[in-house]
């Protein structure tokens, strides 16, 4: 049902470098690039993620309560995505580990524009 998600950025070049590195851990790559937007895609059928400078030319701001979930295959992938995000300048919003239910393992971070993301997997974690 979901095809793509966009988040705002105030620095398209910086956001492009950040998401090239972070989404690259998950096998994502740039699928479109324009004057105001860069989009990444993964396997066929998966939703895409894009960063865009706001059309109204006002500053991009993160949504309160908005979060994007990046699916990983296992806890090691979640840890790798979280580590790459921090290496690329993200703020740590919660180290990788089990959350809530026994089968949810996630690591939370905010990109350089303040957008909140979680890298996660669903599988039994001990």
C-alpha atoms as a PDB file:
ATOM      1  CA  UNK A   1       0.000   0.000   0.000  1.00  0.00           C
ATOM      2  CA  UNK A   2       2.822   2.432   0.788  1.00  0.00           C
ATOM      3  CA  UNK A   3       4.847   3.505  -2.253  1.00  0.00           C
ATOM      4  CA  UNK A   4       7.153   6.257  -0.996  1.00  0.00           C
ATOM      5  CA  UNK A   5       7.802   8.628   1.911  1.00  0.00           C
ATOM      6  CA  UNK A   6       9.428  12.049   1.749  1.00  0.00           C
ATOM      7  CA  UNK A   7      11.125  14.017   4.490  1.00  0.00           C
ATOM      8  CA  UNK A   8      12.175  17.624   4.265  1.00  0.00           C
ATOM      9  CA  UNK A   9      15.735  18.842   4.186  1.00  0.00           C
ATOM     10  CA  UNK A  10      17.465  22.207   4.345  1.00  0.00           C
ATOM     11  CA  UNK A  11      20.635  20.841   2.747  1.00  0.00           C
ATOM     12  CA  UNK A  12      19.983  18.435  -0.137  1.00  0.00           C
ATOM     13  CA  UNK A  13      23.671  17.608  -0.651  1.00  0.00           C
ATOM     14  CA  UNK A  14      24.238  16.733   3.012  1.00  0.00           C
ATOM     15  CA  UNK A  15      20.995  14.720   3.158  1.00  0.00           C
ATOM     16  CA  UNK A  16      22.015  12.873  -0.018  1.00  0.00           C
ATOM     17  CA  UNK A  17      25.360  11.871   1.465  1.00  0.00           C
ATOM     18  CA  UNK A  18      23.713  10.804   4.738  1.00  0.00           C
ATOM     19  CA  UNK A  19      21.060   8.605   3.095  1.00  0.00           C
ATOM     20  CA  UNK A  20      23.486   7.189   0.492  1.00  0.00           C
ATOM     21  CA  UNK A  21      25.501   5.782   3.390  1.00  0.00           C
ATOM     22  CA  UNK A  22      22.661   4.749   5.719  1.00  0.00           C
ATOM     23  CA  UNK A  23      20.334   3.241   3.105  1.00  0.00           C
ATOM     24  CA  UNK A  24      23.311   1.618   1.381  1.00  0.00           C
ATOM     25  CA  UNK A  25      23.646  -0.660   4.430  1.00  0.00           C
ATOM     26  CA  UNK A  26      20.154  -1.967   3.552  1.00  0.00           C
ATOM     27  CA  UNK A  27      20.887  -2.315  -0.168  1.00  0.00           C
ATOM     28  CA  UNK A  28      19.149   0.932  -1.128  1.00  0.00           C
ATOM     29  CA  UNK A  29      20.448   3.159  -3.898  1.00  0.00           C
ATOM     30  CA  UNK A  30      19.481   6.407  -5.577  1.00  0.00           C
ATOM     31  CA  UNK A  31      16.663   5.856  -8.034  1.00  0.00           C
ATOM     32  CA  UNK A  32      15.882   9.484  -8.891  1.00  0.00           C
ATOM     33  CA  UNK A  33      17.584  12.813  -8.477  1.00  0.00           C
ATOM     34  CA  UNK A  34      16.206  16.235  -9.335  1.00  0.00           C
ATOM     35  CA  UNK A  35      16.804  19.864  -8.454  1.00  0.00           C
ATOM     36  CA  UNK A  36      14.869  19.607  -5.151  1.00  0.00           C
ATOM     37  CA  UNK A  37      14.566  15.863  -4.508  1.00  0.00           C
ATOM     38  CA  UNK A  38      16.630  12.688  -4.172  1.00  0.00           C
ATOM     39  CA  UNK A  39      14.915   9.271  -3.938  1.00  0.00           C
ATOM     40  CA  UNK A  40      16.274   5.874  -2.892  1.00  0.00           C
ATOM     41  CA  UNK A  41      14.801   2.491  -3.727  1.00  0.00           C
ATOM     42  CA  UNK A  42      15.506  -1.026  -2.584  1.00  0.00           C
ATOM     43  CA  UNK A  43      14.168  -4.367  -3.767  1.00  0.00           C
ATOM     44  CA  UNK A  44      11.250  -4.417  -6.228  1.00  0.00           C
ATOM     45  CA  UNK A  45       7.965  -3.871  -4.446  1.00  0.00           C
ATOM     46  CA  UNK A  46       9.514  -2.079  -1.465  1.00  0.00           C
ATOM     47  CA  UNK A  47       8.588   1.508  -0.622  1.00  0.00           C
ATOM     48  CA  UNK A  48      11.036   4.277  -1.532  1.00  0.00           C
ATOM     49  CA  UNK A  49      12.381   7.096   0.628  1.00  0.00           C
ATOM     50  CA  UNK A  50      13.010  10.609  -0.643  1.00  0.00           C
ATOM     51  CA  UNK A  51      14.383  13.873   0.731  1.00  0.00           C
ATOM     52  CA  UNK A  52      13.081  17.128  -0.645  1.00  0.00           C
ATOM     53  CA  UNK A  53      13.486  20.844  -0.135  1.00  0.00           C
ATOM     54  CA  UNK A  54      10.057  22.330   0.682  1.00  0.00           C
ATOM     55  CA  UNK A  55       8.098  23.666  -2.280  1.00  0.00           C
ATOM     56  CA  UNK A  56       7.053  26.775  -0.332  1.00  0.00           C
ATOM     57  CA  UNK A  57      10.749  27.605   0.231  1.00  0.00           C
ATOM     58  CA  UNK A  58      10.231  27.778   4.011  1.00  0.00           C
ATOM     59  CA  UNK A  59      12.580  25.865   6.289  1.00  0.00           C
ATOM     60  CA  UNK A  60      12.115  22.107   6.480  1.00  0.00           C
ATOM     61  CA  UNK A  61      11.171  20.968   9.974  1.00  0.00           C
ATOM     62  CA  UNK A  62      10.695  17.432  11.337  1.00  0.00           C
ATOM     63  CA  UNK A  63       7.144  16.374  12.153  1.00  0.00           C
ATOM     64  CA  UNK A  64       6.325  15.929  15.832  1.00  0.00           C
ATOM     65  CA  UNK A  65       5.379  12.275  16.252  1.00  0.00           C
ATOM     66  CA  UNK A  66       6.517  11.373  12.737  1.00  0.00           C
ATOM     67  CA  UNK A  67       8.942   8.461  12.413  1.00  0.00           C
ATOM     68  CA  UNK A  68      10.131   6.346   9.503  1.00  0.00           C
ATOM     69  CA  UNK A  69      10.909   2.663  10.017  1.00  0.00           C
ATOM     70  CA  UNK A  70      13.704   1.042   7.998  1.00  0.00           C
ATOM     71  CA  UNK A  71      13.380  -2.742   7.864  1.00  0.00           C
ATOM     72  CA  UNK A  72      16.497  -4.774   8.533  1.00  0.00           C
ATOM     73  CA  UNK A  73      16.844  -8.525   8.235  1.00  0.00           C
ATOM     74  CA  UNK A  74      18.388  -9.214  11.639  1.00  0.00           C
ATOM     75  CA  UNK A  75      19.801  -7.497  14.759  1.00  0.00           C
ATOM     76  CA  UNK A  76      23.282  -7.248  13.187  1.00  0.00           C
ATOM     77  CA  UNK A  77      21.864  -5.264  10.251  1.00  0.00           C
ATOM     78  CA  UNK A  78      19.950  -3.000  12.641  1.00  0.00           C
ATOM     79  CA  UNK A  79      23.179  -2.364  14.553  1.00  0.00           C
ATOM     80  CA  UNK A  80      25.055  -1.624  11.297  1.00  0.00           C
ATOM     81  CA  UNK A  81      22.413   0.867  10.103  1.00  0.00           C
ATOM     82  CA  UNK A  82      22.315   2.610  13.480  1.00  0.00           C
ATOM     83  CA  UNK A  83      26.128   2.803  13.633  1.00  0.00           C
ATOM     84  CA  UNK A  84      26.348   4.152  10.057  1.00  0.00           C
ATOM     85  CA  UNK A  85      23.710   6.789  10.840  1.00  0.00           C
ATOM     86  CA  UNK A  86      25.667   7.990  13.887  1.00  0.00           C
ATOM     87  CA  UNK A  87      28.900   7.942  11.869  1.00  0.00           C
ATOM     88  CA  UNK A  88      27.185  10.146   9.259  1.00  0.00           C
ATOM     89  CA  UNK A  89      26.109  12.727  11.854  1.00  0.00           C
ATOM     90  CA  UNK A  90      22.784  11.417  13.190  1.00  0.00           C
ATOM     91  CA  UNK A  91      21.762  11.974  16.801  1.00  0.00           C
ATOM     92  CA  UNK A  92      21.229   8.824  18.856  1.00  0.00           C
ATOM     93  CA  UNK A  93      17.611   8.446  19.971  1.00  0.00           C
ATOM     94  CA  UNK A  94      18.005   4.951  21.454  1.00  0.00           C
ATOM     95  CA  UNK A  95      20.689   2.312  20.991  1.00  0.00           C
ATOM     96  CA  UNK A  96      19.735  -0.925  19.196  1.00  0.00           C
ATOM     97  CA  UNK A  97      18.021  -3.432  21.415  1.00  0.00           C
ATOM     98  CA  UNK A  98      14.734  -5.204  22.163  1.00  0.00           C
ATOM     99  CA  UNK A  99      11.745  -2.859  22.506  1.00  0.00           C
ATOM    100  CA  UNK A 100       8.252  -3.475  23.789  1.00  0.00           C
ATOM    101  CA  UNK A 101       7.349  -6.858  22.416  1.00  0.00           C
ATOM    102  CA  UNK A 102       9.795  -9.741  22.444  1.00  0.00           C
ATOM    103  CA  UNK A 103      10.056  -9.846  18.643  1.00  0.00           C
ATOM    104  CA  UNK A 104      10.865  -6.145  17.997  1.00  0.00           C
ATOM    105  CA  UNK A 105      14.519  -5.082  17.895  1.00  0.00           C
ATOM    106  CA  UNK A 106      15.229  -1.464  16.989  1.00  0.00           C
ATOM    107  CA  UNK A 107      17.747   1.366  17.070  1.00  0.00           C
ATOM    108  CA  UNK A 108      16.516   4.966  16.840  1.00  0.00           C
ATOM    109  CA  UNK A 109      18.207   8.062  15.429  1.00  0.00           C
ATOM    110  CA  UNK A 110      17.537  11.519  13.971  1.00  0.00           C
ATOM    111  CA  UNK A 111      19.028  12.498  10.629  1.00  0.00           C
ATOM    112  CA  UNK A 112      20.966  15.797  10.323  1.00  0.00           C
ATOM    113  CA  UNK A 113      17.652  17.630   9.637  1.00  0.00           C
ATOM    114  CA  UNK A 114      16.047  16.204  12.803  1.00  0.00           C
ATOM    115  CA  UNK A 115      13.798  13.612  11.132  1.00  0.00           C
ATOM    116  CA  UNK A 116      13.325  10.555  13.382  1.00  0.00           C
ATOM    117  CA  UNK A 117      13.994   7.067  12.022  1.00  0.00           C
ATOM    118  CA  UNK A 118      14.229   3.574  13.438  1.00  0.00           C
ATOM    119  CA  UNK A 119      16.137   0.650  11.974  1.00  0.00           C
ATOM    120  CA  UNK A 120      14.379  -2.499  13.132  1.00  0.00           C
ATOM    121  CA  UNK A 121      13.768  -6.189  12.609  1.00  0.00           C
ATOM    122  CA  UNK A 122      11.096  -8.557  13.830  1.00  0.00           C
ATOM    123  CA  UNK A 123      12.354 -11.853  15.120  1.00  0.00           C
ATOM    124  CA  UNK A 124      12.792 -13.559  18.449  1.00  0.00           C
ATOM    125  CA  UNK A 125      15.610 -11.811  20.290  1.00  0.00           C
ATOM    126  CA  UNK A 126      17.199 -13.246  23.407  1.00  0.00           C
END
